[in-house]
Amino acid sequence: MRSYELMFIVVPTVTDEEIDKLVAQMEGAVSSAGGEVLSADRLGKRKLAYRIARFEEGFYILLNIRGTGEMIKELERRLKVTDSVIRFVTVRVDEVLKRVEKAKAARLKKARKRSPGTQPEATAPAI
């Protein structure tokens, strides 16, 4: 299974109950497809960078999920047909995490080459 971040923006005119219902629907779709919701963050109402469909603000919601590509297709399909969702974006983050781990391992290896086990000892000041 791969890790994804799914962020979507909901119109600012919806109530908190409707947002909770939408998030619950997305979480239910993930779990029914055999995926796992790692976290669901409601980032709150924020000003948009540019106007989208007459709206200048929107509620941002970020889901960190683990699942398959087919599950992501189904989530994106559901978001497309939901009228209260203005925009959404899905990013696969497992590749980024692999790249970060590889760079971290290379830095550690380079650091070990520079100092092969000898630590500089602290000397006491002469009195």
C-alpha atoms as a PDB file:
ATOM      1  CA  MET A   1       0.000   0.000   0.000  1.00  0.00           C
ATOM      2  CA  ARG A   2       1.121   3.519  -0.724  1.00  0.00           C
ATOM      3  CA  SER A   3       0.807   6.692   1.332  1.00  0.00           C
ATOM      4  CA  TYR A   4      -1.108   9.688   0.019  1.00  0.00           C
ATOM      5  CA  GLU A   5      -2.072  13.162   1.142  1.00  0.00           C
ATOM      6  CA  LEU A   6      -5.494  14.292  -0.033  1.00  0.00           C
ATOM      7  CA  MET A   7      -6.324  17.951   0.454  1.00  0.00           C
ATOM      8  CA  PHE A   8      -9.646  19.412  -0.528  1.00  0.00           C
ATOM      9  CA  ILE A   9     -11.290  22.797  -0.169  1.00  0.00           C
ATOM     10  CA  VAL A  10     -14.945  23.088   0.793  1.00  0.00           C
ATOM     11  CA  VAL A  11     -17.095  26.171   0.116  1.00  0.00           C
ATOM     12  CA  PRO A  12     -17.186  28.573   3.091  1.00  0.00           C
ATOM     13  CA  THR A  13     -20.993  28.540   3.302  1.00  0.00           C
ATOM     14  CA  VAL A  14     -21.286  24.968   4.627  1.00  0.00           C
ATOM     15  CA  THR A  15     -21.833  24.243   8.306  1.00  0.00           C
ATOM     16  CA  ASP A  16     -19.501  22.313  10.580  1.00  0.00           C
ATOM     17  CA  GLU A  17     -21.933  19.378  10.601  1.00  0.00           C
ATOM     18  CA  GLU A  18     -21.822  19.162   6.811  1.00  0.00           C
ATOM     19  CA  ILE A  19     -18.008  19.247   6.858  1.00  0.00           C
ATOM     20  CA  ASP A  20     -17.960  16.478   9.482  1.00  0.00           C
ATOM     21  CA  LYS A  21     -20.374  14.466   7.347  1.00  0.00           C
ATOM     22  CA  LEU A  22     -18.211  14.922   4.229  1.00  0.00           C
ATOM     23  CA  VAL A  23     -15.043  13.897   6.090  1.00  0.00           C
ATOM     24  CA  ALA A  24     -16.855  10.868   7.519  1.00  0.00           C
ATOM     25  CA  GLN A  25     -17.966   9.885   3.990  1.00  0.00           C
ATOM     26  CA  MET A  26     -14.376  10.114   2.733  1.00  0.00           C
ATOM     27  CA  GLU A  27     -13.086   8.078   5.687  1.00  0.00           C
ATOM     28  CA  GLY A  28     -15.817   5.492   5.081  1.00  0.00           C
ATOM     29  CA  ALA A  29     -14.883   5.249   1.405  1.00  0.00           C
ATOM     30  CA  VAL A  30     -11.233   4.691   2.337  1.00  0.00           C
ATOM     31  CA  SER A  31     -11.999   1.988   4.879  1.00  0.00           C
ATOM     32  CA  SER A  32     -14.505   0.222   2.605  1.00  0.00           C
ATOM     33  CA  ALA A  33     -11.858   0.054  -0.147  1.00  0.00           C
ATOM     34  CA  GLY A  34      -9.409  -1.594   2.253  1.00  0.00           C
ATOM     35  CA  GLY A  35      -7.384   1.539   2.956  1.00  0.00           C
ATOM     36  CA  GLU A  36      -6.463   3.245   6.182  1.00  0.00           C
ATOM     37  CA  VAL A  37      -6.926   6.849   7.289  1.00  0.00           C
ATOM     38  CA  LEU A  38      -3.793   7.876   9.171  1.00  0.00           C
ATOM     39  CA  SER A  39      -5.059  11.350  10.103  1.00  0.00           C
ATOM     40  CA  ALA A  40      -7.792  13.801   9.200  1.00  0.00           C
ATOM     41  CA  ASP A  41      -6.920  17.450   9.842  1.00  0.00           C
ATOM     42  CA  ARG A  42      -9.349  20.314   9.531  1.00  0.00           C
ATOM     43  CA  LEU A  43      -7.127  23.280   8.798  1.00  0.00           C
ATOM     44  CA  GLY A  44      -9.984  25.761   9.060  1.00  0.00           C
ATOM     45  CA  LYS A  45     -11.239  28.605   6.922  1.00  0.00           C
ATOM     46  CA  ARG A  46      -8.530  30.329   4.901  1.00  0.00           C
ATOM     47  CA  LYS A  47      -8.329  32.905   2.165  1.00  0.00           C
ATOM     48  CA  LEU A  48      -7.800  31.404  -1.281  1.00  0.00           C
ATOM     49  CA  ALA A  49      -4.873  32.510  -3.426  1.00  0.00           C
ATOM     50  CA  TYR A  50      -7.328  33.404  -6.194  1.00  0.00           C
ATOM     51  CA  ARG A  51     -11.085  33.398  -6.615  1.00  0.00           C
ATOM     52  CA  ILE A  52     -12.626  30.018  -7.400  1.00  0.00           C
ATOM     53  CA  ALA A  53     -16.281  29.883  -8.463  1.00  0.00           C
ATOM     54  CA  ARG A  54     -17.150  33.217  -6.793  1.00  0.00           C
ATOM     55  CA  PHE A  55     -15.508  32.173  -3.508  1.00  0.00           C
ATOM     56  CA  GLU A  56     -12.529  33.923  -1.940  1.00  0.00           C
ATOM     57  CA  GLU A  57     -12.360  31.693   1.154  1.00  0.00           C
ATOM     58  CA  GLY A  58     -12.701  28.005   1.822  1.00  0.00           C
ATOM     59  CA  PHE A  59     -12.398  25.313   4.482  1.00  0.00           C
ATOM     60  CA  TYR A  60      -9.212  23.279   4.014  1.00  0.00           C
ATOM     61  CA  ILE A  61      -9.218  19.598   4.958  1.00  0.00           C
ATOM     62  CA  LEU A  62      -6.160  17.319   4.799  1.00  0.00           C
ATOM     63  CA  LEU A  63      -6.400  13.526   4.876  1.00  0.00           C
ATOM     64  CA  ASN A  64      -3.316  11.349   5.247  1.00  0.00           C
ATOM     65  CA  ILE A  65      -4.272   7.942   3.910  1.00  0.00           C
ATOM     66  CA  ARG A  66      -2.718   4.633   2.966  1.00  0.00           C
ATOM     67  CA  GLY A  67      -4.201   2.596   0.157  1.00  0.00           C
ATOM     68  CA  THR A  68      -4.182   1.643  -3.498  1.00  0.00           C
ATOM     69  CA  GLY A  69      -4.423   3.632  -6.702  1.00  0.00           C
ATOM     70  CA  GLU A  70      -7.933   2.333  -7.371  1.00  0.00           C
ATOM     71  CA  MET A  71      -9.053   3.677  -4.019  1.00  0.00           C
ATOM     72  CA  ILE A  72      -7.637   7.105  -4.893  1.00  0.00           C
ATOM     73  CA  LYS A  73      -9.508   7.074  -8.213  1.00  0.00           C
ATOM     74  CA  GLU A  74     -12.754   6.378  -6.357  1.00  0.00           C
ATOM     75  CA  LEU A  75     -12.103   9.164  -3.817  1.00  0.00           C
ATOM     76  CA  GLU A  76     -11.335  11.652  -6.585  1.00  0.00           C
ATOM     77  CA  ARG A  77     -14.485  10.615  -8.430  1.00  0.00           C
ATOM     78  CA  ARG A  78     -16.546  11.243  -5.296  1.00  0.00           C
ATOM     79  CA  LEU A  79     -14.914  14.633  -4.747  1.00  0.00           C
ATOM     80  CA  LYS A  80     -15.638  15.648  -8.361  1.00  0.00           C
ATOM     81  CA  VAL A  81     -19.362  15.042  -7.990  1.00  0.00           C
ATOM     82  CA  THR A  82     -19.648  16.664  -4.561  1.00  0.00           C
ATOM     83  CA  ASP A  83     -21.022  20.178  -5.049  1.00  0.00           C
ATOM     84  CA  SER A  84     -19.551  21.606  -1.846  1.00  0.00           C
ATOM     85  CA  VAL A  85     -15.951  20.745  -2.831  1.00  0.00           C
ATOM     86  CA  ILE A  86     -14.265  23.521  -4.815  1.00  0.00           C
ATOM     87  CA  ARG A  87     -10.835  21.967  -5.411  1.00  0.00           C
ATOM     88  CA  PHE A  88      -8.857  18.885  -4.412  1.00  0.00           C
ATOM     89  CA  VAL A  89      -5.387  17.515  -4.912  1.00  0.00           C
ATOM     90  CA  THR A  90      -3.899  14.098  -4.160  1.00  0.00           C
ATOM     91  CA  VAL A  91      -0.162  13.646  -3.670  1.00  0.00           C
ATOM     92  CA  ARG A  92       1.671  10.365  -3.282  1.00  0.00           C
ATOM     93  CA  VAL A  93       4.103  10.887  -0.419  1.00  0.00           C
ATOM     94  CA  ASP A  94       5.796   7.507  -0.106  1.00  0.00           C
ATOM     95  CA  GLU A  95       8.220   8.349  -2.925  1.00  0.00           C
ATOM     96  CA  VAL A  96       9.143  11.589  -1.186  1.00  0.00           C
ATOM     97  CA  LEU A  97       9.712   9.744   2.083  1.00  0.00           C
ATOM     98  CA  LYS A  98      11.954   7.220   0.312  1.00  0.00           C
ATOM     99  CA  ARG A  99      13.991  10.054  -1.191  1.00  0.00           C
ATOM    100  CA  VAL A 100      14.352  11.752   2.196  1.00  0.00           C
ATOM    101  CA  GLU A 101      15.469   8.505   3.861  1.00  0.00           C
ATOM    102  CA  LYS A 102      18.010   7.882   1.091  1.00  0.00           C
ATOM    103  CA  ALA A 103      19.472  11.391   1.452  1.00  0.00           C
ATOM    104  CA  LYS A 104      19.607  10.997   5.235  1.00  0.00           C
ATOM    105  CA  ALA A 105      21.473   7.677   4.911  1.00  0.00           C
ATOM    106  CA  ALA A 106      23.950   9.258   2.483  1.00  0.00           C
ATOM    107  CA  ARG A 107      24.615  12.131   4.908  1.00  0.00           C
ATOM    108  CA  LEU A 108      25.212   9.696   7.775  1.00  0.00           C
ATOM    109  CA  LYS A 109      27.574   7.615   5.647  1.00  0.00           C
ATOM    110  CA  LYS A 110      29.513  10.732   4.658  1.00  0.00           C
ATOM    111  CA  ALA A 111      29.707  11.875   8.278  1.00  0.00           C
ATOM    112  CA  ARG A 112      31.034   8.457   9.357  1.00  0.00           C
ATOM    113  CA  LYS A 113      33.750   8.614   6.677  1.00  0.00           C
ATOM    114  CA  ARG A 114      34.947  11.974   7.975  1.00  0.00           C
ATOM    115  CA  SER A 115      35.258  10.826  11.578  1.00  0.00           C
ATOM    116  CA  PRO A 116      36.067   7.096  11.661  1.00  0.00           C
ATOM    117  CA  GLY A 117      35.074   6.444  15.279  1.00  0.00           C
ATOM    118  CA  THR A 118      37.515   8.810  16.933  1.00  0.00           C
ATOM    119  CA  GLN A 119      35.804  11.398  18.998  1.00  0.00           C
ATOM    120  CA  PRO A 120      37.822  14.440  20.054  1.00  0.00           C
ATOM    121  CA  GLU A 121      38.380  14.262  23.797  1.00  0.00           C
ATOM    122  CA  ALA A 122      37.674  17.204  25.975  1.00  0.00           C
ATOM    123  CA  THR A 123      40.784  18.364  27.771  1.00  0.00           C
ATOM    124  CA  ALA A 124      40.730  19.902  31.180  1.00  0.00           C
ATOM    125  CA  PRO A 125      42.185  23.389  31.402  1.00  0.00           C
ATOM    126  CA  ALA A 126      45.643  23.532  32.928  1.00  0.00           C
ATOM    127  CA  ILE A 127      45.794  25.212  36.285  1.00  0.00           C
END
